[in-house]
Structures are given as C-alpha cells and as structure tokens.
Amino acid sequence: MSQVDVLKEKIAYLKLWLGIMVVTDISLVGWLLGNYAVANRALIVGDMAAVLIISFGIYVLHKRIEKEIESLKEL
C-alpha cells in the first residue's frame, strides 16, 4: 500500500471514532435534558463532566484529522 492510501485509511478510521464520539455526546446531552428534573445530582454532575470531556476529545480529534489531511496534501 502506498503512503497516500495508508493516510487515507488512517483518516477514515479517525473519522469513524469522531462520529462515535459525536453520537455519544449528543446522547448524553439528550439524557441530561430529559432527566435533569428527576435524576440524582451525582448523575447530573457525572453526565456534565462526561459531556465536557467528550466534547474536548471531539475537538482534539478534529484537529488531528485536519493535521492528517494537511499532511496528505503535501504528498
């Protein structure tokens, strides 16, 4: 496999995980909006922490994908 093909596969794999993280983040926000009135405070705090951590992970992964795409342009 050429280096270009390897980079394309790496980008596709990173995009898969980005999608999984986005869906997880949306699900956690949806749970929070639907259960904030009845949920235990610890669950709400944990959910908010998870949303923040996953959102930061989405940002980091997005930047990594952009970097990989830029390196693909150089080939």
PDB file of N, CA and C in Angstrom:
ATOM      1  N   MET A   1       0.836  -1.179   0.000  1.00  0.00           N
ATOM      2  CA  MET A   1       0.000   0.000   0.000  1.00  0.00           C
ATOM      3  C   MET A   1       0.880   1.242   0.000  1.00  0.00           C
ATOM      4  N   SER A   2       0.471   2.215  -0.774  1.00  0.00           N
ATOM      5  CA  SER A   2       1.253   3.445  -0.828  1.00  0.00           C
ATOM      6  C   SER A   2       0.999   4.287   0.424  1.00  0.00           C
ATOM      7  N   GLN A   3       1.856   5.259   0.609  1.00  0.00           N
ATOM      8  CA  GLN A   3       1.749   6.120   1.783  1.00  0.00           C
ATOM      9  C   GLN A   3       0.445   6.920   1.757  1.00  0.00           C
ATOM     10  N   VAL A   4       0.008   7.312   0.563  1.00  0.00           N
ATOM     11  CA  VAL A   4      -1.245   8.053   0.429  1.00  0.00           C
ATOM     12  C   VAL A   4      -2.422   7.185   0.878  1.00  0.00           C
ATOM     13  N   ASP A   5      -2.423   5.923   0.462  1.00  0.00           N
ATOM     14  CA  ASP A   5      -3.503   5.016   0.855  1.00  0.00           C
ATOM     15  C   ASP A   5      -3.518   4.780   2.361  1.00  0.00           C
ATOM     16  N   VAL A   6      -2.341   4.669   2.944  1.00  0.00           N
ATOM     17  CA  VAL A   6      -2.253   4.472   4.392  1.00  0.00           C
ATOM     18  C   VAL A   6      -2.822   5.686   5.120  1.00  0.00           C
ATOM     19  N   LEU A   7      -2.476   6.882   4.672  1.00  0.00           N
ATOM     20  CA  LEU A   7      -3.000   8.094   5.304  1.00  0.00           C
ATOM     21  C   LEU A   7      -4.512   8.200   5.137  1.00  0.00           C
ATOM     22  N   LYS A   8      -5.015   7.826   3.968  1.00  0.00           N
ATOM     23  CA  LYS A   8      -6.461   7.860   3.748  1.00  0.00           C
ATOM     24  C   LYS A   8      -7.181   6.902   4.691  1.00  0.00           C
ATOM     25  N   GLU A   9      -6.626   5.725   4.883  1.00  0.00           N
ATOM     26  CA  GLU A   9      -7.227   4.756   5.802  1.00  0.00           C
ATOM     27  C   GLU A   9      -7.172   5.259   7.240  1.00  0.00           C
ATOM     28  N   LYS A  10      -6.072   5.900   7.600  1.00  0.00           N
ATOM     29  CA  LYS A  10      -5.939   6.449   8.949  1.00  0.00           C
ATOM     30  C   LYS A  10      -6.981   7.537   9.178  1.00  0.00           C
ATOM     31  N   ILE A  11      -7.177   8.391   8.186  1.00  0.00           N
ATOM     32  CA  ILE A  11      -8.174   9.456   8.290  1.00  0.00           C
ATOM     33  C   ILE A  11      -9.574   8.862   8.400  1.00  0.00           C
ATOM     34  N   ALA A  12      -9.856   7.837   7.612  1.00  0.00           N
ATOM     35  CA  ALA A  12     -11.172   7.188   7.675  1.00  0.00           C
ATOM     36  C   ALA A  12     -11.408   6.583   9.056  1.00  0.00           C
ATOM     37  N   TYR A  13     -10.388   5.966   9.626  1.00  0.00           N
ATOM     38  CA  TYR A  13     -10.507   5.369  10.956  1.00  0.00           C
ATOM     39  C   TYR A  13     -10.744   6.448  12.013  1.00  0.00           C
ATOM     40  N   LEU A  14     -10.029   7.562  11.912  1.00  0.00           N
ATOM     41  CA  LEU A  14     -10.221   8.656  12.861  1.00  0.00           C
ATOM     42  C   LEU A  14     -11.623   9.255  12.721  1.00  0.00           C
ATOM     43  N   LYS A  15     -12.116   9.347  11.491  1.00  0.00           N
ATOM     44  CA  LYS A  15     -13.466   9.859  11.268  1.00  0.00           C
ATOM     45  C   LYS A  15     -14.520   8.936  11.874  1.00  0.00           C
ATOM     46  N   LEU A  16     -14.282   7.647  11.834  1.00  0.00           N
ATOM     47  CA  LEU A  16     -15.192   6.698  12.476  1.00  0.00           C
ATOM     48  C   LEU A  16     -15.300   7.004  13.966  1.00  0.00           C
ATOM     49  N   TRP A  17     -14.159   7.159  14.621  1.00  0.00           N
ATOM     50  CA  TRP A  17     -14.173   7.441  16.056  1.00  0.00           C
ATOM     51  C   TRP A  17     -14.744   8.820  16.358  1.00  0.00           C
ATOM     52  N   LEU A  18     -14.530   9.774  15.463  1.00  0.00           N
ATOM     53  CA  LEU A  18     -15.131  11.093  15.640  1.00  0.00           C
ATOM     54  C   LEU A  18     -16.653  10.975  15.619  1.00  0.00           C
ATOM     55  N   GLY A  19     -17.175  10.210  14.686  1.00  0.00           N
ATOM     56  CA  GLY A  19     -18.622  10.007  14.616  1.00  0.00           C
ATOM     57  C   GLY A  19     -19.172   9.333  15.856  1.00  0.00           C
ATOM     58  N   ILE A  20     -18.466   8.335  16.351  1.00  0.00           N
ATOM     59  CA  ILE A  20     -18.899   7.648  17.573  1.00  0.00           C
ATOM     60  C   ILE A  20     -18.919   8.619  18.751  1.00  0.00           C
ATOM     61  N   MET A  21     -17.904   9.463  18.831  1.00  0.00           N
ATOM     62  CA  MET A  21     -17.846  10.429  19.932  1.00  0.00           C
ATOM     63  C   MET A  21     -18.966  11.459  19.825  1.00  0.00           C
ATOM     64  N   VAL A  22     -19.271  11.907  18.611  1.00  0.00           N
ATOM     65  CA  VAL A  22     -20.343  12.889  18.422  1.00  0.00           C
ATOM     66  C   VAL A  22     -21.691  12.288  18.827  1.00  0.00           C
ATOM     67  N   VAL A  23     -21.956  11.065  18.400  1.00  0.00           N
ATOM     68  CA  VAL A  23     -23.220  10.409  18.760  1.00  0.00           C
ATOM     69  C   VAL A  23     -23.313  10.222  20.273  1.00  0.00           C
ATOM     70  N   THR A  24     -22.223   9.839  20.898  1.00  0.00           N
ATOM     71  CA  THR A  24     -22.211   9.672  22.354  1.00  0.00           C
ATOM     72  C   THR A  24     -22.485  10.997  23.053  1.00  0.00           C
ATOM     73  N   ASP A  25     -21.862  12.056  22.564  1.00  0.00           N
ATOM     74  CA  ASP A  25     -22.050  13.382  23.148  1.00  0.00           C
ATOM     75  C   ASP A  25     -23.508  13.826  23.017  1.00  0.00           C
ATOM     76  N   ILE A  26     -24.081  13.642  21.841  1.00  0.00           N
ATOM     77  CA  ILE A  26     -25.481  14.010  21.623  1.00  0.00           C
ATOM     78  C   ILE A  26     -26.394  13.204  22.545  1.00  0.00           C
ATOM     79  N   SER A  27     -26.106  11.932  22.696  1.00  0.00           N
ATOM     80  CA  SER A  27     -26.922  11.078  23.567  1.00  0.00           C
ATOM     81  C   SER A  27     -26.845  11.534  25.021  1.00  0.00           C
ATOM     82  N   LEU A  28     -25.657  11.887  25.470  1.00  0.00           N
ATOM     83  CA  LEU A  28     -25.508  12.350  26.851  1.00  0.00           C
ATOM     84  C   LEU A  28     -26.238  13.672  27.082  1.00  0.00           C
ATOM     85  N   VAL A  29     -26.170  14.575  26.117  1.00  0.00           N
ATOM     86  CA  VAL A  29     -26.891  15.845  26.239  1.00  0.00           C
ATOM     87  C   VAL A  29     -28.394  15.582  26.241  1.00  0.00           C
ATOM     88  N   GLY A  30     -28.848  14.684  25.381  1.00  0.00           N
ATOM     89  CA  GLY A  30     -30.268  14.338  25.362  1.00  0.00           C
ATOM     90  C   GLY A  30     -30.736  13.738  26.674  1.00  0.00           C
ATOM     91  N   TRP A  31     -29.923  12.858  27.253  1.00  0.00           N
ATOM     92  CA  TRP A  31     -30.273  12.276  28.548  1.00  0.00           C
ATOM     93  C   TRP A  31     -30.369  13.370  29.605  1.00  0.00           C
ATOM     94  N   LEU A  32     -29.411  14.289  29.580  1.00  0.00           N
ATOM     95  CA  LEU A  32     -29.405  15.366  30.564  1.00  0.00           C
ATOM     96  C   LEU A  32     -30.653  16.235  30.430  1.00  0.00           C
ATOM     97  N   LEU A  33     -31.022  16.579  29.209  1.00  0.00           N
ATOM     98  CA  LEU A  33     -32.201  17.415  29.005  1.00  0.00           C
ATOM     99  C   LEU A  33     -33.488  16.691  29.409  1.00  0.00           C
ATOM    100  N   GLY A  34     -33.518  15.397  29.227  1.00  0.00           N
ATOM    101  CA  GLY A  34     -34.715  14.644  29.558  1.00  0.00           C
ATOM    102  C   GLY A  34     -34.840  14.258  31.018  1.00  0.00           C
ATOM    103  N   ASN A  35     -33.735  14.254  31.751  1.00  0.00           N
ATOM    104  CA  ASN A  35     -33.755  13.729  33.121  1.00  0.00           C
ATOM    105  C   ASN A  35     -33.231  14.686  34.184  1.00  0.00           C
ATOM    106  N   TYR A  36     -32.987  15.933  33.832  1.00  0.00           N
ATOM    107  CA  TYR A  36     -32.380  16.830  34.819  1.00  0.00           C
ATOM    108  C   TYR A  36     -33.278  17.049  36.036  1.00  0.00           C
ATOM    109  N   ALA A  37     -34.587  16.950  35.862  1.00  0.00           N
ATOM    110  CA  ALA A  37     -35.503  17.218  36.974  1.00  0.00           C
ATOM    111  C   ALA A  37     -35.624  16.036  37.935  1.00  0.00           C
ATOM    112  N   VAL A  38     -35.393  14.832  37.449  1.00  0.00           N
ATOM    113  CA  VAL A  38     -35.626  13.655  38.294  1.00  0.00           C
ATOM    114  C   VAL A  38     -34.353  12.900  38.655  1.00  0.00           C
ATOM    115  N   ALA A  39     -33.249  13.218  38.028  1.00  0.00           N
ATOM    116  CA  ALA A  39     -32.018  12.453  38.237  1.00  0.00           C
ATOM    117  C   ALA A  39     -31.306  12.895  39.512  1.00  0.00           C
ATOM    118  N   ASN A  40     -30.544  11.982  40.050  1.00  0.00           N
ATOM    119  CA  ASN A  40     -29.692  12.230  41.200  1.00  0.00           C
ATOM    120  C   ASN A  40     -28.640  13.280  40.818  1.00  0.00           C
ATOM    121  N   ARG A  41     -28.284  14.123  41.758  1.00  0.00           N
ATOM    122  CA  ARG A  41     -27.313  15.185  41.487  1.00  0.00           C
ATOM    123  C   ARG A  41     -25.973  14.619  41.014  1.00  0.00           C
ATOM    124  N   ALA A  42     -25.565  13.494  41.582  1.00  0.00           N
ATOM    125  CA  ALA A  42     -24.293  12.879  41.180  1.00  0.00           C
ATOM    126  C   ALA A  42     -24.336  12.448  39.715  1.00  0.00           C
ATOM    127  N   LEU A  43     -25.474  11.927  39.271  1.00  0.00           N
ATOM    128  CA  LEU A  43     -25.608  11.539  37.867  1.00  0.00           C
ATOM    129  C   LEU A  43     -25.554  12.753  36.944  1.00  0.00           C
ATOM    130  N   ILE A  44     -26.175  13.830  37.373  1.00  0.00           N
ATOM    131  CA  ILE A  44     -26.164  15.048  36.557  1.00  0.00           C
ATOM    132  C   ILE A  44     -24.746  15.595  36.448  1.00  0.00           C
ATOM    133  N   VAL A  45     -24.040  15.644  37.564  1.00  0.00           N
ATOM    134  CA  VAL A  45     -22.657  16.136  37.551  1.00  0.00           C
ATOM    135  C   VAL A  45     -21.778  15.217  36.708  1.00  0.00           C
ATOM    136  N   GLY A  46     -21.953  13.914  36.866  1.00  0.00           N
ATOM    137  CA  GLY A  46     -21.184  12.963  36.063  1.00  0.00           C
ATOM    138  C   GLY A  46     -21.468  13.095  34.585  1.00  0.00           C
ATOM    139  N   ASP A  47     -22.739  13.289  34.246  1.00  0.00           N
ATOM    140  CA  ASP A  47     -23.111  13.461  32.846  1.00  0.00           C
ATOM    141  C   ASP A  47     -22.501  14.740  32.277  1.00  0.00           C
ATOM    142  N   MET A  48     -22.560  15.815  33.043  1.00  0.00           N
ATOM    143  CA  MET A  48     -21.982  17.074  32.572  1.00  0.00           C
ATOM    144  C   MET A  48     -20.473  16.947  32.393  1.00  0.00           C
ATOM    145  N   ALA A  49     -19.820  16.252  33.312  1.00  0.00           N
ATOM    146  CA  ALA A  49     -18.378  16.037  33.182  1.00  0.00           C
ATOM    147  C   ALA A  49     -18.076  15.207  31.942  1.00  0.00           C
ATOM    148  N   ALA A  50     -18.872  14.169  31.710  1.00  0.00           N
ATOM    149  CA  ALA A  50     -18.668  13.330  30.525  1.00  0.00           C
ATOM    150  C   ALA A  50     -18.875  14.130  29.249  1.00  0.00           C
ATOM    151  N   VAL A  51     -19.886  14.987  29.228  1.00  0.00           N
ATOM    152  CA  VAL A  51     -20.134  15.825  28.049  1.00  0.00           C
ATOM    153  C   VAL A  51     -18.939  16.739  27.795  1.00  0.00           C
ATOM    154  N   LEU A  52     -18.411  17.350  28.841  1.00  0.00           N
ATOM    155  CA  LEU A  52     -17.261  18.242  28.672  1.00  0.00           C
ATOM    156  C   LEU A  52     -16.031  17.485  28.183  1.00  0.00           C
ATOM    157  N   ILE A  53     -15.772  16.335  28.768  1.00  0.00           N
ATOM    158  CA  ILE A  53     -14.596  15.550  28.379  1.00  0.00           C
ATOM    159  C   ILE A  53     -14.722  15.051  26.947  1.00  0.00           C
ATOM    160  N   ILE A  54     -15.882  14.527  26.594  1.00  0.00           N
ATOM    161  CA  ILE A  54     -16.068  14.018  25.232  1.00  0.00           C
ATOM    162  C   ILE A  54     -16.051  15.161  24.225  1.00  0.00           C
ATOM    163  N   SER A  55     -16.628  16.311  24.580  1.00  0.00           N
ATOM    164  CA  SER A  55     -16.588  17.465  23.677  1.00  0.00           C
ATOM    165  C   SER A  55     -15.152  17.917  23.436  1.00  0.00           C
ATOM    166  N   PHE A  56     -14.348  17.919  24.483  1.00  0.00           N
ATOM    167  CA  PHE A  56     -12.935  18.263  24.315  1.00  0.00           C
ATOM    168  C   PHE A  56     -12.238  17.222  23.443  1.00  0.00           C
ATOM    169  N   GLY A  57     -12.559  15.955  23.649  1.00  0.00           N
ATOM    170  CA  GLY A  57     -11.996  14.891  22.816  1.00  0.00           C
ATOM    171  C   GLY A  57     -12.379  15.047  21.359  1.00  0.00           C
ATOM    172  N   ILE A  58     -13.612  15.475  21.106  1.00  0.00           N
ATOM    173  CA  ILE A  58     -14.058  15.719  19.730  1.00  0.00           C
ATOM    174  C   ILE A  58     -13.210  16.818  19.104  1.00  0.00           C
ATOM    175  N   TYR A  59     -12.976  17.883  19.853  1.00  0.00           N
ATOM    176  CA  TYR A  59     -12.160  18.988  19.347  1.00  0.00           C
ATOM    177  C   TYR A  59     -10.742  18.520  19.026  1.00  0.00           C
ATOM    178  N   VAL A  60     -10.141  17.775  19.943  1.00  0.00           N
ATOM    179  CA  VAL A  60      -8.772  17.284  19.743  1.00  0.00           C
ATOM    180  C   VAL A  60      -8.704  16.352  18.538  1.00  0.00           C
ATOM    181  N   LEU A  61      -9.657  15.452  18.427  1.00  0.00           N
ATOM    182  CA  LEU A  61      -9.672  14.511  17.306  1.00  0.00           C
ATOM    183  C   LEU A  61      -9.896  15.237  15.990  1.00  0.00           C
ATOM    184  N   HIS A  62     -10.752  16.253  16.000  1.00  0.00           N
ATOM    185  CA  HIS A  62     -10.980  17.049  14.791  1.00  0.00           C
ATOM    186  C   HIS A  62      -9.688  17.727  14.338  1.00  0.00           C
ATOM    187  N   LYS A  63      -8.963  18.292  15.278  1.00  0.00           N
ATOM    188  CA  LYS A  63      -7.689  18.942  14.940  1.00  0.00           C
ATOM    189  C   LYS A  63      -6.690  17.928  14.393  1.00  0.00           C
ATOM    190  N   ARG A  64      -6.687  16.722  14.953  1.00  0.00           N
ATOM    191  CA  ARG A  64      -5.777  15.676  14.463  1.00  0.00           C
ATOM    192  C   ARG A  64      -6.139  15.266  13.037  1.00  0.00           C
ATOM    193  N   ILE A  65      -7.429  15.157  12.757  1.00  0.00           N
ATOM    194  CA  ILE A  65      -7.861  14.817  11.401  1.00  0.00           C
ATOM    195  C   ILE A  65      -7.448  15.916  10.433  1.00  0.00           C
ATOM    196  N   GLU A  66      -7.621  17.176  10.829  1.00  0.00           N
ATOM    197  CA  GLU A  66      -7.191  18.286   9.970  1.00  0.00           C
ATOM    198  C   GLU A  66      -5.693  18.206   9.687  1.00  0.00           C
ATOM    199  N   LYS A  67      -4.907  17.873  10.709  1.00  0.00           N
ATOM    200  CA  LYS A  67      -3.460  17.751  10.535  1.00  0.00           C
ATOM    201  C   LYS A  67      -3.124  16.631   9.558  1.00  0.00           C
ATOM    202  N   GLU A  68      -3.816  15.513   9.674  1.00  0.00           N
ATOM    203  CA  GLU A  68      -3.580  14.389   8.758  1.00  0.00           C
ATOM    204  C   GLU A  68      -3.955  14.762   7.327  1.00  0.00           C
ATOM    205  N   ILE A  69      -5.035  15.509   7.163  1.00  0.00           N
ATOM    206  CA  ILE A  69      -5.438  15.942   5.819  1.00  0.00           C
ATOM    207  C   ILE A  69      -4.398  16.885   5.237  1.00  0.00           C
ATOM    208  N   GLU A  70      -3.874  17.779   6.058  1.00  0.00           N
ATOM    209  CA  GLU A  70      -2.824  18.686   5.579  1.00  0.00           C
ATOM    210  C   GLU A  70      -1.575  17.914   5.169  1.00  0.00           C
ATOM    211  N   SER A  71      -1.223  16.883   5.932  1.00  0.00           N
ATOM    212  CA  SER A  71      -0.049  16.089   5.563  1.00  0.00           C
ATOM    213  C   SER A  71      -0.312  15.304   4.286  1.00  0.00           C
ATOM    214  N   LEU A  72      -1.562  14.980   4.020  1.00  0.00           N
ATOM    215  CA  LEU A  72      -1.928  14.294   2.779  1.00  0.00           C
ATOM    216  C   LEU A  72      -1.753  15.224   1.586  1.00  0.00           C
ATOM    217  N   LYS A  73      -2.003  16.512   1.784  1.00  0.00           N
ATOM    218  CA  LYS A  73      -1.828  17.486   0.701  1.00  0.00           C
ATOM    219  C   LYS A  73      -0.365  17.586   0.275  1.00  0.00           C
ATOM    220  N   GLU A  74       0.544  17.383   1.227  1.00  0.00           N
ATOM    221  CA  GLU A  74       1.971  17.531   0.938  1.00  0.00           C
ATOM    222  C   GLU A  74       2.531  16.384   0.111  1.00  0.00           C
ATOM    223  N   LEU A  75       1.819  15.262   0.040  1.00  0.00           N
ATOM    224  CA  LEU A  75       2.336  14.103  -0.697  1.00  0.00           C
ATOM    225  C   LEU A  75       2.068  14.193  -2.172  1.00  0.00           C
TER     226      LEU A  75
END
